[in-house]
């Protein structure tokens, strides 16, 4: 099947590559000439495990192409996927103030205007971007206006996890199709048939339900994260251990363990903006989204939890202190630093005159683009520790889980760890002579007596 993917960001590139790998003829379109040239050379602009190999293999086989020429990509395509960004509206001007927090669809409308004149008569336009309910209907009307005829428009939200996107796409839990015609349902179902061979469900619903499904899924997962973080903070106050509590509730099949790991808050390109967009939608229709607003507020506060622990430990004297930060990406196996908790901590420390050395396996270039030479970029986790007054861990990369604590202590000026991901056993860390702060657990110090 001939496909056009409009947008080569995270969702567009993964979608196009995986669909090409299943035998389709895919052309990915982007207005960024430099990005297209990089992709044509096999240089992938995002980090996603396994993606580079798939791009190179399918491009060499002729199934995957990249271009800035929308007309060429769309002219013969049976399905045209819109996979452009839908960032949060900042509401900068006074006239746009009420839009703040909503999904900004300007790239969706611009994409439609660009490809509309080139659609073949039986083309189906599919929204892959995360868009609020009602977008499908508006897109249908816009395309009718631009083409002078009826264009079939379907919704097909994606549920990929950064760091596991290839596996999520190829071994997916379900496919959601929001359409109004039998033709759209059948064509899209045929496209996904190779990925549903283990009896995973294909769920057909109205476009509005499909659009809302994506937001509700992300909002519910975000709620679990904010909930466990709030309970972690309670545990610290009363002497409990959130790891024990997590195990105690996770074995309840109604609850489960997924997304119940305490930490420094969620970030990335989806959860923050989608929770706010869903709350904005609720307000727009006259509802008061108390729970959604609370989820967002709890997460915003949680991003400062390490900063508060650091401030208290050093009695507010942070000027001139040297801090090592392990982990910059909002989660492991990605280079995405959008709304990453590590950036909140960097800003906090820089504002107070601290010196910072950082290490992340993949995200340092993205952070360097924001902070330049205001911080030091270390080649290894241990190099970041040289002369540090404390270490703060923000991302649970695998290489941080079993470090050489003896060498760590030798390199640091003072053996203090602020662990925002609960990577270590507290008693083990104490035995190595560290003062150790984590999330939802009582801090330990080398002088603490062992538990009986």
Protein backbone atom coordinates (compact mmCIF):
# COMPACT_ATOMS: atom_id res chain seq x y z
CA UNK A 1 0.00 0.00 0.00
CA UNK A 2 1.29 3.48 -0.82
CA UNK A 3 1.42 5.74 2.22
CA UNK A 4 2.41 9.33 2.91
CA UNK A 5 3.45 10.41 6.40
CA UNK A 6 3.30 14.17 6.99
CA UNK A 7 5.82 15.00 9.71
CA UNK A 8 9.03 13.17 10.62
CA UNK A 9 8.98 13.78 14.34
CA UNK A 10 8.85 11.00 16.89
CA UNK A 11 5.47 9.52 15.95
CA UNK A 12 5.77 10.15 12.21
CA UNK A 13 9.21 8.60 11.84
CA UNK A 14 8.44 5.53 13.94
CA UNK A 15 5.10 5.01 12.20
CA UNK A 16 6.50 5.40 8.70
CA UNK A 17 9.47 3.15 9.38
CA UNK A 18 7.45 0.34 10.97
CA UNK A 19 4.83 0.43 8.22
CA UNK A 20 7.59 0.28 5.59
CA UNK A 21 9.09 -2.67 7.44
CA UNK A 22 5.81 -4.55 6.98
CA UNK A 23 6.06 -4.16 3.18
CA UNK A 24 4.34 -0.87 2.44
CA UNK A 25 5.65 1.88 0.15
CA UNK A 26 6.11 4.82 2.53
CA UNK A 27 7.16 8.41 1.86
CA UNK A 28 7.82 10.65 4.86
CA UNK A 29 7.45 14.39 4.35
CA UNK A 30 8.92 17.26 6.33
CA UNK A 31 9.40 20.98 5.64
CA UNK A 32 12.84 20.87 7.31
CA UNK A 33 15.29 20.31 4.45
CA UNK A 34 18.22 19.69 6.80
CA UNK A 35 16.31 16.97 8.65
CA UNK A 36 15.35 15.26 5.39
CA UNK A 37 18.96 15.30 4.21
CA UNK A 38 20.06 13.73 7.49
CA UNK A 39 17.44 11.01 7.19
CA UNK A 40 18.44 10.27 3.61
CA UNK A 41 21.98 9.72 4.87
CA UNK A 42 20.77 7.39 7.62
CA UNK A 43 21.40 9.98 10.34
CA UNK A 44 18.45 9.73 12.73
CA UNK A 45 17.61 13.05 14.49
CA UNK A 46 16.07 11.35 17.54
CA UNK A 47 17.31 8.54 19.75
CA UNK A 48 15.04 5.51 19.84
CA UNK A 49 16.48 1.99 20.31
CA UNK A 50 16.28 -0.03 17.08
CA UNK A 51 14.98 2.82 14.93
CA UNK A 52 18.21 3.61 13.09
CA UNK A 53 18.66 0.05 11.90
CA UNK A 54 15.07 -0.14 10.61
CA UNK A 55 15.36 3.18 8.78
CA UNK A 56 18.58 2.19 7.04
CA UNK A 57 17.29 -1.25 6.07
CA UNK A 58 13.97 -0.09 4.65
CA UNK A 59 15.47 2.91 2.88
CA UNK A 60 18.01 0.60 1.21
CA UNK A 61 15.16 -1.69 0.14
CA UNK A 62 13.36 1.26 -1.45
CA UNK A 63 10.30 0.98 0.80
CA UNK A 64 11.06 4.11 2.85
CA UNK A 65 11.73 7.51 1.28
CA UNK A 66 12.12 11.04 2.62
CA UNK A 67 11.24 14.30 0.88
CA UNK A 68 10.20 17.92 1.31
CA UNK A 69 7.99 17.64 -1.78
CA UNK A 70 4.46 17.19 -0.45
CA UNK A 71 2.91 16.83 -3.90
CA UNK A 72 5.14 13.91 -4.88
CA UNK A 73 4.49 12.11 -1.61
CA UNK A 74 0.73 12.52 -1.57
CA UNK A 75 -0.18 12.20 -5.25
CA UNK A 76 -0.41 8.39 -5.31
CA UNK A 77 -0.97 7.69 -1.62
CA UNK A 78 -3.98 5.65 -0.53
CA UNK A 79 -3.52 6.80 3.05
CA UNK A 80 -2.12 10.17 4.12
CA UNK A 81 -1.14 10.26 7.79
CA UNK A 82 -0.90 13.58 9.63
CA UNK A 83 1.82 13.16 12.27
CA UNK A 84 2.81 16.76 12.99
CA UNK A 85 3.29 18.26 16.43
CA UNK A 86 0.40 19.61 18.46
CA UNK A 87 2.22 21.59 21.17
CA UNK A 88 0.55 23.22 24.12
CA UNK A 89 -0.81 26.67 23.32
CA UNK A 90 1.13 29.25 25.31
CA UNK A 91 -1.60 31.90 25.11
CA UNK A 92 0.98 34.63 24.69
CA UNK A 93 -1.25 37.51 23.58
CA UNK A 94 -4.20 38.92 25.47
CA UNK A 95 -6.59 37.69 22.78
CA UNK A 96 -5.17 34.16 23.05
CA UNK A 97 -5.07 34.02 26.85
CA UNK A 98 -8.10 31.73 27.04
CA UNK A 99 -6.35 29.21 24.77
CA UNK A 100 -3.46 28.68 27.18
CA UNK A 101 -2.99 25.00 27.89
CA UNK A 102 -5.03 23.85 24.89
CA UNK A 103 -3.60 21.93 21.95
CA UNK A 104 -2.23 24.25 19.27
CA UNK A 105 -3.33 22.77 15.92
CA UNK A 106 -1.65 25.26 13.60
CA UNK A 107 0.64 22.59 12.14
CA UNK A 108 -2.30 20.28 11.44
CA UNK A 109 -4.15 22.97 9.48
CA UNK A 110 -1.01 23.99 7.62
CA UNK A 111 -0.29 20.39 6.64
CA UNK A 112 -3.84 19.97 5.33
CA UNK A 113 -3.56 23.14 3.25
CA UNK A 114 -0.32 21.89 1.73
CA UNK A 115 -1.43 18.40 0.73
CA UNK A 116 -5.13 18.98 -0.08
CA UNK A 117 -4.59 19.94 -3.76
CA UNK A 118 -2.63 16.74 -4.39
CA UNK A 119 -4.94 14.10 -2.88
CA UNK A 120 -6.05 11.31 -5.20
CA UNK A 121 -9.85 10.76 -5.40
CA UNK A 122 -9.99 7.75 -3.04
CA UNK A 123 -7.32 8.95 -0.56
CA UNK A 124 -8.08 8.65 3.12
CA UNK A 125 -6.58 11.23 5.47
CA UNK A 126 -5.67 9.81 8.87
CA UNK A 127 -4.84 11.91 11.93
CA UNK A 128 -2.02 10.28 13.91
CA UNK A 129 -1.24 13.46 15.85
CA UNK A 130 -2.77 13.86 19.30
CA UNK A 131 -5.72 16.18 18.69
CA UNK A 132 -8.75 17.18 20.77
CA UNK A 133 -12.22 15.82 20.02
CA UNK A 134 -13.83 17.65 17.13
CA UNK A 135 -10.61 17.99 15.11
CA UNK A 136 -11.66 15.22 12.73
CA UNK A 137 -14.90 17.03 11.90
CA UNK A 138 -13.09 20.35 11.39
CA UNK A 139 -10.49 18.69 9.18
CA UNK A 140 -13.23 17.06 7.13
CA UNK A 141 -14.86 20.47 6.56
CA UNK A 142 -11.53 22.12 5.74
CA UNK A 143 -10.59 19.49 3.17
CA UNK A 144 -14.02 19.72 1.58
CA UNK A 145 -13.53 23.47 1.25
CA UNK A 146 -10.01 23.13 -0.14
CA UNK A 147 -10.77 20.33 -2.63
CA UNK A 148 -14.40 20.99 -3.53
CA UNK A 149 -15.27 17.33 -2.81
CA UNK A 150 -15.72 14.90 0.05
CA UNK A 151 -12.49 13.53 1.53
CA UNK A 152 -12.62 10.62 3.96
CA UNK A 153 -10.98 11.53 7.27
CA UNK A 154 -10.23 8.99 10.02
CA UNK A 155 -8.54 9.14 13.42
CA UNK A 156 -5.88 6.63 14.43
CA UNK A 157 -4.21 7.70 17.69
CA UNK A 158 -0.90 6.16 18.64
CA UNK A 159 0.14 4.82 22.05
CA UNK A 160 3.91 4.49 21.76
CA UNK A 161 6.28 4.75 24.73
CA UNK A 162 9.52 6.56 24.07
CA UNK A 163 12.36 4.12 24.53
CA UNK A 164 10.18 1.16 23.51
CA UNK A 165 8.38 2.56 20.47
CA UNK A 166 9.46 -0.04 17.91
CA UNK A 167 8.33 -2.90 20.11
CA UNK A 168 5.10 -1.07 20.99
CA UNK A 169 4.28 -0.55 17.31
CA UNK A 170 5.17 -4.03 16.10
CA UNK A 171 3.68 -5.88 19.07
CA UNK A 172 0.89 -3.51 19.91
CA UNK A 173 -1.81 -4.01 22.50
CA UNK A 174 -4.58 -2.62 20.31
CA UNK A 175 -5.39 -0.46 17.31
CA UNK A 176 -7.95 2.32 17.64
CA UNK A 177 -9.74 3.57 14.52
CA UNK A 178 -12.15 6.48 14.56
CA UNK A 179 -13.97 6.67 11.26
CA UNK A 180 -17.31 7.36 9.63
CA UNK A 181 -17.10 5.11 6.58
CA UNK A 182 -16.72 1.39 5.98
CA UNK A 183 -13.98 2.09 3.43
CA UNK A 184 -11.77 3.82 6.00
CA UNK A 185 -12.29 1.05 8.53
CA UNK A 186 -11.43 -1.69 6.03
CA UNK A 187 -8.36 -0.01 4.53
CA UNK A 188 -6.83 0.91 7.89
CA UNK A 189 -7.66 -2.54 9.28
CA UNK A 190 -5.84 -4.14 6.34
CA UNK A 191 -2.82 -1.96 7.02
CA UNK A 192 -2.57 -3.08 10.65
CA UNK A 193 -3.41 -6.76 10.07
CA UNK A 194 0.26 -7.88 10.26
CA UNK A 195 0.54 -6.34 13.72
CA UNK A 196 -2.58 -7.96 15.18
CA UNK A 197 -1.84 -11.63 14.58
CA UNK A 198 -1.94 -12.54 18.28
CA UNK A 199 -5.62 -11.64 18.59
CA UNK A 200 -5.00 -8.14 19.84
CA UNK A 201 -8.14 -6.03 19.41
CA UNK A 202 -8.93 -3.59 16.65
CA UNK A 203 -11.32 -1.07 18.18
CA UNK A 204 -13.58 0.88 15.83
CA UNK A 205 -15.40 3.90 17.21
CA UNK A 206 -16.42 7.43 16.30
CA UNK A 207 -13.63 9.91 15.56
CA UNK A 208 -14.53 11.89 18.68
CA UNK A 209 -14.15 8.80 20.88
CA UNK A 210 -10.85 7.88 19.22
CA UNK A 211 -9.50 11.40 19.73
CA UNK A 212 -10.55 11.40 23.38
CA UNK A 213 -9.13 7.91 24.00
CA UNK A 214 -5.57 9.15 23.54
CA UNK A 215 -6.00 12.01 26.01
CA UNK A 216 -7.77 9.88 28.60
CA UNK A 217 -5.09 7.17 28.43
CA UNK A 218 -2.28 9.67 29.01
CA UNK A 219 -4.22 11.48 31.73
CA UNK A 220 -4.88 8.25 33.63
CA UNK A 221 -1.23 7.16 33.44
CA UNK A 222 -0.18 10.64 34.59
CA UNK A 223 -2.62 10.35 37.48
CA UNK A 224 -1.00 7.13 38.67
CA UNK A 225 2.42 8.82 38.66
CA UNK A 226 1.23 11.89 40.55
CA UNK A 227 -0.69 9.72 43.02
CA UNK A 228 2.29 7.52 43.92
CA UNK A 229 4.51 10.59 44.22
CA UNK A 230 2.09 12.24 46.63
CA UNK A 231 1.96 9.02 48.68
CA UNK A 232 5.78 8.87 48.61
CA UNK A 233 5.96 12.33 50.18
CA UNK A 234 3.53 11.17 52.87
CA UNK A 235 5.68 8.12 53.56
CA UNK A 236 8.71 10.30 54.23
CA UNK A 237 6.80 12.37 56.77
CA UNK A 238 5.56 9.40 58.79
CA UNK A 239 8.59 7.10 58.47
CA UNK A 240 7.12 4.69 55.94
CA UNK A 241 8.83 3.19 52.90
CA UNK A 242 7.10 3.83 49.59
CA UNK A 243 8.70 0.74 48.05
CA UNK A 244 6.93 -1.44 50.61
CA UNK A 245 3.66 0.43 50.07
CA UNK A 246 4.00 0.11 46.30
CA UNK A 247 4.38 -3.65 46.60
CA UNK A 248 1.48 -3.79 49.00
CA UNK A 249 -0.94 -2.15 46.57
CA UNK A 250 0.54 -3.30 43.27
CA UNK A 251 -0.39 -6.94 43.86
CA UNK A 252 -4.02 -5.88 43.84
CA UNK A 253 -5.06 -6.82 40.29
CA UNK A 254 -7.35 -3.81 40.16
CA UNK A 255 -4.33 -1.55 40.59
CA UNK A 256 -1.20 -3.25 39.22
CA UNK A 257 2.42 -2.06 39.27
CA UNK A 258 2.62 -0.12 36.00
CA UNK A 259 3.37 3.60 36.46
CA UNK A 260 3.53 3.23 40.26
CA UNK A 261 7.22 4.09 40.59
CA UNK A 262 7.87 7.17 42.75
CA UNK A 263 10.25 9.76 41.38
CA UNK A 264 10.78 13.39 40.47
CA UNK A 265 7.71 13.71 38.27
CA UNK A 266 6.78 12.97 34.69
CA UNK A 267 7.92 14.95 31.66
CA UNK A 268 8.23 14.44 27.92
CA UNK A 269 6.18 15.50 24.96
CA UNK A 270 2.88 13.83 25.89
CA UNK A 271 1.80 13.66 29.52
CA UNK A 272 2.24 17.33 30.53
CA UNK A 273 0.57 18.84 27.48
CA UNK A 274 -2.16 16.20 27.21
CA UNK A 275 -3.24 16.53 30.85
CA UNK A 276 -3.45 20.31 30.41
CA UNK A 277 -5.23 20.03 27.06
CA UNK A 278 -7.83 17.66 28.51
CA UNK A 279 -8.36 20.01 31.46
CA UNK A 280 -8.72 22.93 29.04
CA UNK A 281 -11.30 20.96 27.04
CA UNK A 282 -13.27 20.23 30.21
CA UNK A 283 -13.33 23.92 31.16
CA UNK A 284 -14.34 24.83 27.61
CA UNK A 285 -17.51 22.74 27.96
CA UNK A 286 -18.35 24.12 31.40
CA UNK A 287 -16.79 21.48 33.66
CA UNK A 288 -14.34 21.98 36.53
CA UNK A 289 -11.48 19.46 36.06
CA UNK A 290 -10.43 19.25 39.71
CA UNK A 291 -8.63 15.92 39.39
CA UNK A 292 -6.75 16.82 36.21
CA UNK A 293 -5.64 20.17 37.62
CA UNK A 294 -4.45 18.41 40.77
CA UNK A 295 -2.50 15.82 38.78
CA UNK A 296 -0.71 18.62 36.95
CA UNK A 297 -0.08 20.59 40.14
CA UNK A 298 1.26 17.57 42.04
CA UNK A 299 3.63 16.87 39.16
CA UNK A 300 4.83 20.47 39.00
CA UNK A 301 5.62 20.37 42.73
CA UNK A 302 7.30 16.97 42.45
CA UNK A 303 9.81 18.34 39.94
CA UNK A 304 11.18 20.46 42.80
CA UNK A 305 11.48 17.62 45.33
CA UNK A 306 15.25 17.13 44.90
CA UNK A 307 15.84 20.88 44.96
CA UNK A 308 14.08 21.13 48.32
CA UNK A 309 16.09 18.21 49.74
CA UNK A 310 19.33 19.79 48.51
CA UNK A 311 18.38 23.19 49.92
CA UNK A 312 17.62 21.69 53.33
CA UNK A 313 20.77 19.54 53.46
CA UNK A 314 23.06 22.49 52.69
CA UNK A 315 21.10 24.91 54.91
CA UNK A 316 20.40 27.12 51.93
CA UNK A 317 24.10 27.69 51.13
CA UNK A 318 24.26 26.61 47.49
CA UNK A 319 26.40 29.36 45.96
CA UNK A 320 29.71 27.92 44.80
CA UNK A 321 28.68 24.34 45.54
CA UNK A 322 29.52 21.72 42.90
CA UNK A 323 26.73 19.35 41.91
CA UNK A 324 26.88 16.32 39.64
CA UNK A 325 23.69 15.39 37.80
CA UNK A 326 23.19 11.91 36.39
CA UNK A 327 20.39 11.78 33.84
CA UNK A 328 18.88 14.60 31.80
CA UNK A 329 16.26 12.94 29.61
CA UNK A 330 12.78 12.72 31.11
CA UNK A 331 13.09 8.91 31.01
CA UNK A 332 15.73 6.36 29.96
CA UNK A 333 16.23 5.15 26.37
CA UNK A 334 15.42 8.54 24.87
CA UNK A 335 17.14 11.87 24.26
CA UNK A 336 13.92 13.80 24.89
CA UNK A 337 14.34 16.58 27.46
CA UNK A 338 11.00 18.29 26.94
CA UNK A 339 9.62 19.17 30.40
CA UNK A 340 12.30 16.93 31.94
CA UNK A 341 12.57 17.23 35.75
CA UNK A 342 16.36 17.52 35.43
CA UNK A 343 15.98 20.90 33.75
CA UNK A 344 13.95 22.19 36.69
CA UNK A 345 16.79 21.21 39.02
CA UNK A 346 19.44 22.76 36.76
CA UNK A 347 17.55 26.05 36.67
CA UNK A 348 17.14 26.02 40.44
CA UNK A 349 20.84 25.41 41.11
CA UNK A 350 22.09 27.90 38.52
CA UNK A 351 19.85 30.62 39.94
CA UNK A 352 21.56 30.09 43.32
CA UNK A 353 25.10 30.24 42.00
CA UNK A 354 25.90 26.53 42.02
CA UNK A 355 28.28 24.83 39.59
CA UNK A 356 26.96 21.82 37.68
CA UNK A 357 28.48 18.89 35.80
CA UNK A 358 26.09 16.55 34.00
CA UNK A 359 26.10 13.20 32.26
CA UNK A 360 23.44 11.46 30.20
CA UNK A 361 24.05 8.71 27.61
CA UNK A 362 21.93 10.39 24.94
CA UNK A 363 20.47 13.76 25.94
CA UNK A 364 23.52 15.99 26.51
CA UNK A 365 23.45 17.62 23.07
CA UNK A 366 19.81 18.63 23.55
CA UNK A 367 20.62 20.13 26.96
CA UNK A 368 23.71 21.85 25.59
CA UNK A 369 21.49 23.57 23.01
CA UNK A 370 19.60 25.17 25.93
CA UNK A 371 22.36 25.86 28.47
CA UNK A 372 25.53 26.18 26.40
CA UNK A 373 28.65 26.55 28.53
CA UNK A 374 26.75 27.40 31.72
CA UNK A 375 27.22 23.79 32.81
CA UNK A 376 29.89 21.13 32.26
CA UNK A 377 29.17 18.05 30.11
CA UNK A 378 31.07 15.01 31.39
CA UNK A 379 32.04 12.08 29.20
CA UNK A 380 31.16 9.53 31.87
CA UNK A 381 29.13 9.35 35.08
CA UNK A 382 32.31 9.16 37.17
CA UNK A 383 33.86 12.17 35.44
CA UNK A 384 30.83 14.24 36.42
CA UNK A 385 31.56 13.47 40.10
CA UNK A 386 35.01 15.07 40.20
CA UNK A 387 35.04 17.44 43.18
CA UNK A 388 31.25 17.28 43.60
CA UNK A 389 29.61 18.26 46.86
CA UNK A 390 26.67 16.02 45.98
CA UNK A 391 25.19 13.83 43.24
CA UNK A 392 21.58 14.18 42.06
CA UNK A 393 20.06 11.36 39.98
CA UNK A 394 17.17 12.33 37.71
CA UNK A 395 16.87 9.51 35.15
CA UNK A 396 17.02 5.76 35.77
CA UNK A 397 19.47 4.81 33.01
CA UNK A 398 20.72 1.23 33.40
CA UNK A 399 24.36 2.29 33.64
CA UNK A 400 23.61 4.21 36.85
CA UNK A 401 22.23 1.19 38.71
CA UNK A 402 25.45 -0.58 39.72
CA UNK A 403 28.22 2.02 39.97
CA UNK A 404 31.56 1.67 41.74
CA UNK A 405 30.68 3.31 45.05
CA UNK A 406 34.29 3.20 46.25
CA UNK A 407 35.51 5.25 43.29
CA UNK A 408 32.48 7.51 43.51
CA UNK A 409 33.38 8.40 47.09
CA UNK A 410 37.00 9.03 46.13
CA UNK A 411 36.03 11.42 43.36
CA UNK A 412 33.48 13.42 45.33
CA UNK A 413 34.29 16.21 47.76
CA UNK A 414 31.51 14.99 50.05
CA UNK A 415 29.66 11.63 49.76
CA UNK A 416 26.06 12.78 49.40
CA UNK A 417 23.51 11.34 46.96
CA UNK A 418 20.04 12.70 46.14
CA UNK A 419 18.37 9.83 44.30
CA UNK A 420 15.26 10.92 42.44
CA UNK A 421 14.59 7.42 41.10
CA UNK A 422 15.23 5.15 44.12
CA UNK A 423 17.93 3.18 42.32
CA UNK A 424 19.75 1.94 45.40
CA UNK A 425 19.20 0.04 48.61
CA UNK A 426 19.44 2.61 51.38
CA UNK A 427 21.35 0.41 53.86
CA UNK A 428 23.83 -0.63 51.18
CA UNK A 429 24.55 3.02 50.40
CA UNK A 430 24.97 3.85 54.08
CA UNK A 431 27.46 1.00 54.46
CA UNK A 432 29.57 2.63 51.72
CA UNK A 433 29.72 5.82 53.76
CA UNK A 434 27.21 7.95 51.87
CA UNK A 435 24.49 10.24 53.08
CA UNK A 436 21.55 9.15 50.96
CA UNK A 437 18.26 10.87 50.19
CA UNK A 438 15.63 9.15 48.06
CA UNK A 439 11.91 9.46 47.33
CA UNK A 440 9.36 8.27 49.87
CA UNK A 441 11.97 6.72 52.18
CA UNK A 442 13.73 7.92 55.32
CA UNK A 443 17.16 9.48 54.58
CA UNK A 444 20.18 7.56 55.85
CA UNK A 445 23.63 8.74 56.99
CA UNK A 446 26.86 6.84 57.66
CA UNK A 447 26.43 7.42 61.38
CA UNK A 448 22.96 5.87 61.44
CA UNK A 449 22.77 2.70 63.48
CA UNK A 450 21.87 -0.41 61.45
CA UNK A 451 18.34 -1.64 61.79
CA UNK A 452 17.98 -4.51 64.27
